[in-house]
Amino acid sequence: MANTAAVPAAGYGEDGVYRSPRPAVPIASDPGLSLTDLILRRAETCPAALALVDASTGDALTFAALRSAVLTTAAALSSRAGVRPGDVVLLLAPNSVLYPVCFLAVTALGAIATTANPLYTAREIADQVADAHVKLVITISEILPKISDLRLRTILLDEHTSPSSDATLYTDLVAGVHEMEYRRPATATSTAALLYSSGTTGTSKGVMLTHGNLAAATAMMTSDQDARGDGCNVFLCFMPMFHMFGLGLIALAQLRRGDAVVVMPRFGAVADVMDAVQRFRVTYLYCAPPVMLALAKTGAALKEYDVSSLRFIGSGAAPLGKDVMEAVAKNFPGAEIIQVL
């Protein structure tokens, strides 16, 4: 017989389940719905809104342009690179505007995206390629020497390189290709991504994430904004997109919500971050504890920048000390300092 005891709104109930004090997050129940669907739909609800911006160049994609880029890339991957549903495509590159475009193009085909740290050694890359049964690699020319022995079809995201005969420039891949008509490629239970663990207890292990997993996770990741009734926010993303932090929490989740994502290849200097915050009026900044420590120590240099747009600074991936949080709060009095993940 089911346990009919009263369950508290928050905390542990008699059923042994811990419940959050926050309201339940509604999850789409459509068995054919994918995260790809949810993001591409933004081209209908807010076509002219900014989706992705390159912090270095200012080049940007609206949600309408993002949809077009995703479906054009998907058509090219299918017709010119032979990617089929169920194939595994490796994204091996630093952050860029094209990173989420390629990820969504792969999933739009019903194929599976796997990601890897571009700083991996040739051996580490080869191990993941073998384990995941990778068919094609999307990377940059700098990484080519580390994957040359794999003899895989390779797409280069660099715009100004002279690739070897075994690699194709992304610009050449999509040249003259018309965007495909989008059809739902899979069900909610089909695998969309194969992300690898950090390997802290041994060899990295592939974690299969379904379309339903990603749709549910991204709804949860943006529920705080929805609960507050936020309008569109602007997120700065220098956390690596090969990791769930940068890819899931920032890029995919915020694109799903209709927020703008300003992309930096990596964290370099606090000045670069503050400059991006000022130029693009960033409202959300997610980072890891080492960056928070740098923000705590930045001091007088902040006076050179207008960072009044920042409303939230969140740290994740490891615990953050109270003293660091208080120092960051002092430097950014207009922002709420939070611990995430």
Protein backbone atom coordinates (compact mmCIF):
# COMPACT_ATOMS: atom_id res chain seq x y z
CA MET A 1 0.00 0.00 0.00
CA ALA A 2 1.29 3.46 -0.88
CA ASN A 3 2.50 5.69 1.93
CA THR A 4 -0.21 8.32 2.38
CA ALA A 5 1.50 10.25 5.19
CA ALA A 6 1.67 13.99 4.75
CA VAL A 7 4.76 15.15 2.91
CA PRO A 8 6.31 18.49 3.97
CA ALA A 9 6.78 21.26 1.46
CA ALA A 10 10.51 21.13 2.09
CA GLY A 11 12.94 18.85 3.89
CA TYR A 12 12.72 15.12 4.52
CA GLY A 13 9.29 13.55 4.52
CA GLU A 14 8.16 10.32 6.13
CA ASP A 15 8.72 8.69 2.76
CA GLY A 16 12.45 9.43 3.08
CA VAL A 17 12.49 11.81 0.13
CA TYR A 18 14.11 15.23 0.51
CA ARG A 19 12.14 17.99 -1.20
CA SER A 20 13.41 21.42 -2.16
CA PRO A 21 11.74 24.54 -0.77
CA ARG A 22 11.52 25.77 -4.35
CA PRO A 23 8.48 25.02 -6.50
CA ALA A 24 8.57 21.92 -8.68
CA VAL A 25 10.07 22.45 -12.14
CA PRO A 26 7.61 21.58 -14.92
CA ILE A 27 9.12 19.07 -17.34
CA ALA A 28 7.78 18.63 -20.88
CA SER A 29 6.11 15.23 -21.18
CA ASP A 30 6.15 14.99 -24.99
CA PRO A 31 8.03 11.71 -25.70
CA GLY A 32 9.34 13.10 -28.98
CA LEU A 33 10.60 16.42 -27.64
CA SER A 34 14.33 17.14 -27.62
CA LEU A 35 16.50 19.98 -26.37
CA THR A 36 17.19 20.76 -30.02
CA ASP A 37 13.47 21.40 -30.53
CA LEU A 38 13.27 23.67 -27.51
CA ILE A 39 16.20 25.83 -28.61
CA LEU A 40 15.24 26.05 -32.29
CA ARG A 41 11.73 27.15 -31.28
CA ARG A 42 13.24 30.38 -29.99
CA ALA A 43 13.58 31.43 -33.63
CA GLU A 44 9.78 31.68 -33.64
CA THR A 45 9.25 33.34 -30.25
CA CYS A 46 12.16 35.81 -30.30
CA PRO A 47 13.82 35.67 -33.76
CA ALA A 48 15.65 39.00 -33.50
CA ALA A 49 16.95 38.51 -29.96
CA LEU A 50 20.67 37.89 -29.52
CA ALA A 51 21.55 34.24 -28.95
CA LEU A 52 25.35 33.99 -29.23
CA VAL A 53 28.03 36.69 -29.28
CA ASP A 54 31.79 36.37 -29.77
CA ALA A 55 33.35 38.51 -27.03
CA SER A 56 36.51 39.12 -29.07
CA THR A 57 35.01 40.16 -32.40
CA GLY A 58 31.46 41.12 -31.51
CA ASP A 59 30.16 38.77 -34.21
CA ALA A 60 26.69 37.64 -33.19
CA LEU A 61 23.86 35.28 -34.06
CA THR A 62 20.23 36.07 -33.37
CA PHE A 63 17.94 33.15 -32.59
CA ALA A 64 16.73 33.19 -36.19
CA ALA A 65 20.33 33.11 -37.42
CA LEU A 66 21.18 30.38 -34.91
CA ARG A 67 18.40 28.17 -36.24
CA SER A 68 19.60 28.74 -39.80
CA ALA A 69 23.22 28.01 -38.87
CA VAL A 70 22.28 24.82 -37.01
CA LEU A 71 20.13 23.45 -39.82
CA THR A 72 22.65 24.42 -42.51
CA THR A 73 25.44 22.74 -40.57
CA ALA A 74 23.27 19.67 -40.03
CA ALA A 75 22.50 19.46 -43.74
CA ALA A 76 26.21 19.74 -44.58
CA LEU A 77 27.24 17.13 -42.01
CA SER A 78 24.68 14.76 -43.46
CA SER A 79 25.19 15.34 -47.19
CA ARG A 80 28.92 16.06 -47.26
CA ALA A 81 30.33 14.24 -44.23
CA GLY A 82 27.96 11.29 -44.13
CA VAL A 83 26.78 11.75 -40.54
CA ARG A 84 23.77 9.56 -39.81
CA PRO A 85 21.49 9.01 -36.79
CA GLY A 86 23.37 7.20 -34.06
CA ASP A 87 26.83 8.22 -35.31
CA VAL A 88 29.16 9.76 -32.71
CA VAL A 89 30.80 13.11 -33.52
CA LEU A 90 33.64 14.43 -31.35
CA LEU A 91 33.82 18.15 -30.55
CA LEU A 92 37.46 18.86 -29.72
CA ALA A 93 37.89 22.62 -29.62
CA PRO A 94 37.95 25.66 -27.34
CA ASN A 95 34.80 27.70 -26.79
CA SER A 96 33.44 29.54 -29.79
CA VAL A 97 30.11 30.63 -31.22
CA LEU A 98 30.31 27.61 -33.53
CA TYR A 99 30.65 25.13 -30.66
CA PRO A 100 26.95 25.11 -29.68
CA VAL A 101 26.01 25.44 -33.36
CA CYS A 102 27.84 22.21 -34.14
CA PHE A 103 26.54 20.45 -31.03
CA LEU A 104 22.95 21.26 -31.96
CA ALA A 105 23.55 20.34 -35.61
CA VAL A 106 24.76 16.90 -34.55
CA THR A 107 21.76 16.34 -32.29
CA ALA A 108 19.39 17.69 -34.96
CA LEU A 109 20.48 14.75 -37.12
CA GLY A 110 19.81 12.23 -34.37
CA ALA A 111 23.56 11.70 -34.04
CA ILE A 112 25.44 11.78 -30.73
CA ALA A 113 27.83 14.53 -29.65
CA THR A 114 30.80 13.69 -27.46
CA THR A 115 33.17 16.33 -26.13
CA ALA A 116 36.78 16.30 -24.98
CA ASN A 117 39.27 18.71 -23.47
CA PRO A 118 41.34 20.23 -26.32
CA LEU A 119 44.36 20.08 -23.99
CA TYR A 120 44.21 16.29 -23.86
CA THR A 121 47.23 14.37 -25.05
CA ALA A 122 47.09 12.35 -28.25
CA ARG A 123 46.76 9.19 -26.16
CA GLU A 124 43.87 10.54 -24.12
CA ILE A 125 42.05 11.62 -27.27
CA ALA A 126 42.67 8.26 -28.92
CA ASP A 127 41.29 6.42 -25.89
CA GLN A 128 38.05 8.40 -25.96
CA VAL A 129 37.73 8.06 -29.73
CA ALA A 130 38.03 4.29 -29.43
CA ASP A 131 35.68 4.01 -26.45
CA ALA A 132 32.99 6.21 -28.02
CA HIS A 133 33.37 4.80 -31.56
CA VAL A 134 33.79 8.29 -33.00
CA LYS A 135 33.07 8.72 -36.72
CA LEU A 136 34.04 12.37 -37.25
CA VAL A 137 36.00 15.06 -35.39
CA ILE A 138 35.23 18.78 -35.29
CA THR A 139 38.32 20.63 -34.11
CA ILE A 140 40.85 23.40 -34.89
CA SER A 141 44.10 23.26 -36.85
CA GLU A 142 46.26 23.58 -33.74
CA ILE A 143 45.02 20.18 -32.56
CA LEU A 144 45.53 18.35 -35.87
CA PRO A 145 48.96 16.90 -34.93
CA LYS A 146 47.36 15.13 -31.94
CA ILE A 147 44.72 13.39 -34.05
CA SER A 148 46.58 12.75 -37.30
CA ASP A 149 47.11 9.06 -36.51
CA LEU A 150 43.39 8.46 -35.94
CA ARG A 151 42.59 8.74 -39.65
CA LEU A 152 39.16 10.20 -39.02
CA ARG A 153 37.21 12.61 -41.18
CA THR A 154 37.97 16.04 -39.70
CA ILE A 155 36.21 19.41 -39.85
CA LEU A 156 38.23 22.51 -38.91
CA LEU A 157 36.46 25.45 -37.30
CA ASP A 158 39.33 27.84 -38.12
CA GLU A 159 38.37 30.37 -40.76
CA HIS A 160 41.83 31.15 -42.06
CA THR A 161 43.83 27.95 -42.27
CA SER A 162 45.19 25.75 -45.02
CA PRO A 163 44.11 22.27 -43.98
CA SER A 164 45.69 19.04 -45.07
CA SER A 165 43.95 16.87 -47.61
CA ASP A 166 42.39 14.92 -44.74
CA ALA A 167 40.58 17.91 -43.22
CA THR A 168 37.81 20.21 -44.40
CA LEU A 169 37.28 23.80 -43.36
CA TYR A 170 33.91 24.43 -41.76
CA THR A 171 33.36 27.33 -44.15
CA ASP A 172 33.91 24.99 -47.10
CA LEU A 173 31.68 22.34 -45.56
CA VAL A 174 28.66 24.63 -45.38
CA ALA A 175 29.34 26.68 -48.54
CA GLY A 176 26.38 26.51 -50.89
CA VAL A 177 24.39 24.25 -48.58
CA HIS A 178 20.76 25.10 -47.88
CA GLU A 179 19.39 24.54 -44.41
CA MET A 180 17.49 21.32 -44.09
CA GLU A 181 13.88 21.01 -43.05
CA TYR A 182 13.98 20.13 -39.38
CA ARG A 183 12.35 16.86 -38.42
CA ARG A 184 12.41 15.44 -34.93
CA PRO A 185 15.39 13.11 -35.11
CA ALA A 186 14.80 10.95 -32.09
CA THR A 187 12.69 10.32 -29.02
CA ALA A 188 13.23 11.62 -25.51
CA THR A 189 14.92 8.33 -24.63
CA SER A 190 17.44 8.49 -27.50
CA THR A 191 21.04 9.38 -26.65
CA ALA A 192 21.95 12.96 -27.54
CA ALA A 193 25.33 13.36 -25.86
CA LEU A 194 28.13 11.20 -24.54
CA LEU A 195 30.05 13.26 -21.98
CA TYR A 196 33.01 11.79 -20.14
CA SER A 197 33.67 11.88 -16.40
CA SER A 198 36.78 13.55 -15.02
CA GLY A 199 38.40 10.21 -14.20
CA THR A 200 39.17 11.05 -10.57
CA THR A 201 38.63 7.42 -9.55
CA GLY A 202 40.19 5.82 -12.61
CA THR A 203 39.65 5.86 -16.35
CA SER A 204 37.16 8.44 -17.62
CA LYS A 205 33.77 6.91 -18.28
CA GLY A 206 31.25 7.93 -20.89
CA VAL A 207 27.92 9.14 -19.50
CA MET A 208 25.03 8.76 -21.93
CA LEU A 209 22.60 11.69 -21.78
CA THR A 210 19.30 11.38 -23.58
CA HIS A 211 17.32 14.15 -25.23
CA GLY A 212 14.94 13.89 -22.27
CA ASN A 213 17.80 14.18 -19.78
CA LEU A 214 19.03 17.40 -21.39
CA ALA A 215 15.54 18.88 -21.71
CA ALA A 216 14.84 18.21 -18.02
CA ALA A 217 18.26 19.37 -16.82
CA THR A 218 18.14 22.66 -18.70
CA ALA A 219 14.65 23.37 -17.35
CA MET A 220 15.99 22.88 -13.84
CA MET A 221 19.06 25.03 -14.55
CA THR A 222 16.96 28.05 -15.53
CA SER A 223 14.13 27.64 -13.02
CA ASP A 224 15.57 30.27 -10.66
CA GLN A 225 15.27 32.94 -13.35
CA ASP A 226 11.72 31.89 -14.18
CA ALA A 227 10.71 31.87 -10.50
CA ARG A 228 11.89 35.48 -10.16
CA GLY A 229 10.13 36.50 -13.35
CA ASP A 230 13.37 37.57 -15.02
CA GLY A 231 13.36 38.88 -18.55
CA CYS A 232 16.16 37.85 -20.88
CA ASN A 233 19.56 37.74 -19.22
CA VAL A 234 23.05 37.97 -20.67
CA PHE A 235 25.50 35.24 -19.63
CA LEU A 236 29.26 35.32 -20.06
CA CYS A 237 30.71 31.91 -20.90
CA PHE A 238 34.41 31.20 -20.52
CA MET A 239 33.84 27.96 -18.63
CA PRO A 240 34.77 25.16 -21.05
CA MET A 241 31.98 23.91 -23.26
CA PHE A 242 33.52 20.44 -23.33
CA HIS A 243 32.30 20.23 -19.70
CA MET A 244 28.69 20.15 -18.54
CA PHE A 245 29.25 23.42 -16.67
CA GLY A 246 29.95 25.47 -19.78
CA LEU A 247 27.91 23.42 -22.23
CA GLY A 248 24.85 22.53 -20.17
CA LEU A 249 24.43 25.12 -17.43
CA ILE A 250 25.47 28.11 -19.51
CA ALA A 251 25.25 27.56 -23.28
CA LEU A 252 22.40 25.09 -23.82
CA ALA A 253 20.25 25.97 -20.82
CA GLN A 254 20.36 29.71 -21.45
CA LEU A 255 19.76 29.37 -25.19
CA ARG A 256 16.74 27.25 -24.39
CA ARG A 257 15.42 30.02 -22.16
CA GLY A 258 16.05 32.73 -24.74
CA ASP A 259 18.98 34.34 -22.93
CA ALA A 260 22.06 35.67 -24.72
CA VAL A 261 25.40 33.90 -24.29
CA VAL A 262 28.61 35.91 -24.75
CA VAL A 263 31.41 33.47 -25.58
CA MET A 264 35.07 33.70 -24.60
CA PRO A 265 37.51 30.91 -25.56
CA ARG A 266 38.77 30.64 -21.98
CA PHE A 267 39.43 32.65 -18.84
CA GLY A 268 42.59 34.67 -19.32
CA ALA A 269 42.63 37.82 -17.21
CA VAL A 270 40.13 39.58 -14.98
CA ALA A 271 40.46 42.67 -17.17
CA ASP A 272 39.19 40.74 -20.20
CA VAL A 273 36.19 39.52 -18.23
CA MET A 274 35.36 42.98 -16.92
CA ASP A 275 35.70 44.44 -20.40
CA ALA A 276 33.21 41.88 -21.74
CA VAL A 277 30.82 42.58 -18.86
CA GLN A 278 30.96 46.29 -19.64
CA ARG A 279 30.60 45.99 -23.43
CA PHE A 280 27.80 43.43 -23.48
CA ARG A 281 26.02 44.41 -20.23
CA VAL A 282 26.42 40.92 -18.81
CA THR A 283 23.98 40.10 -16.01
CA TYR A 284 25.13 36.56 -15.06
CA LEU A 285 28.67 35.34 -14.53
CA TYR A 286 29.32 31.68 -13.71
CA CYS A 287 32.85 30.54 -12.90
CA ALA A 288 35.03 28.23 -10.80
CA PRO A 289 36.68 29.05 -7.43
CA PRO A 290 40.06 30.15 -8.91
CA VAL A 291 38.25 32.83 -10.92
CA MET A 292 36.28 33.89 -7.85
CA LEU A 293 39.58 34.26 -6.00
CA ALA A 294 40.86 36.49 -8.82
CA LEU A 295 37.66 38.56 -8.63
CA ALA A 296 38.14 38.88 -4.87
CA LYS A 297 41.65 40.27 -5.37
CA THR A 298 40.92 42.57 -8.30
CA GLY A 299 40.38 45.64 -6.10
CA ALA A 300 41.02 49.07 -7.58
CA ALA A 301 41.21 47.79 -11.17
CA LEU A 302 37.40 47.49 -11.13
CA LYS A 303 37.07 51.27 -11.14
CA GLU A 304 38.08 51.27 -14.80
CA TYR A 305 34.96 49.33 -15.81
CA ASP A 306 31.21 49.73 -15.54
CA VAL A 307 30.07 46.37 -14.16
CA SER A 308 26.77 47.63 -12.77
CA SER A 309 24.85 45.26 -15.05
CA LEU A 310 26.08 42.20 -13.10
CA ARG A 311 23.31 40.84 -10.87
CA PHE A 312 24.57 37.33 -10.15
CA ILE A 313 28.03 35.81 -9.80
CA GLY A 314 27.97 32.07 -9.27
CA SER A 315 30.78 29.66 -8.47
CA GLY A 316 30.67 25.92 -9.02
CA ALA A 317 32.74 22.75 -9.51
CA ALA A 318 34.26 22.99 -6.00
CA PRO A 319 33.37 24.50 -2.60
CA LEU A 320 33.94 28.22 -2.14
CA GLY A 321 35.16 29.74 1.13
CA LYS A 322 33.02 32.29 2.96
CA ASP A 323 35.89 34.79 3.03
CA VAL A 324 36.22 34.70 -0.76
CA MET A 325 32.47 35.12 -1.23
CA GLU A 326 32.47 38.14 1.09
CA ALA A 327 35.43 39.71 -0.73
CA VAL A 328 33.71 39.27 -4.11
CA ALA A 329 30.49 40.70 -2.67
CA LYS A 330 32.41 43.77 -1.50
CA ASN A 331 33.91 44.29 -4.97
CA PHE A 332 30.56 43.74 -6.71
CA PRO A 333 27.94 45.23 -4.35
CA GLY A 334 25.22 45.08 -6.99
CA ALA A 335 25.56 41.33 -7.52
CA GLU A 336 24.31 38.37 -5.52
CA ILE A 337 27.11 35.88 -4.89
CA ILE A 338 25.92 32.29 -5.08
CA GLN A 339 27.28 28.75 -4.98
CA VAL A 340 26.05 26.53 -7.82
CA LEU A 341 26.58 22.88 -8.77
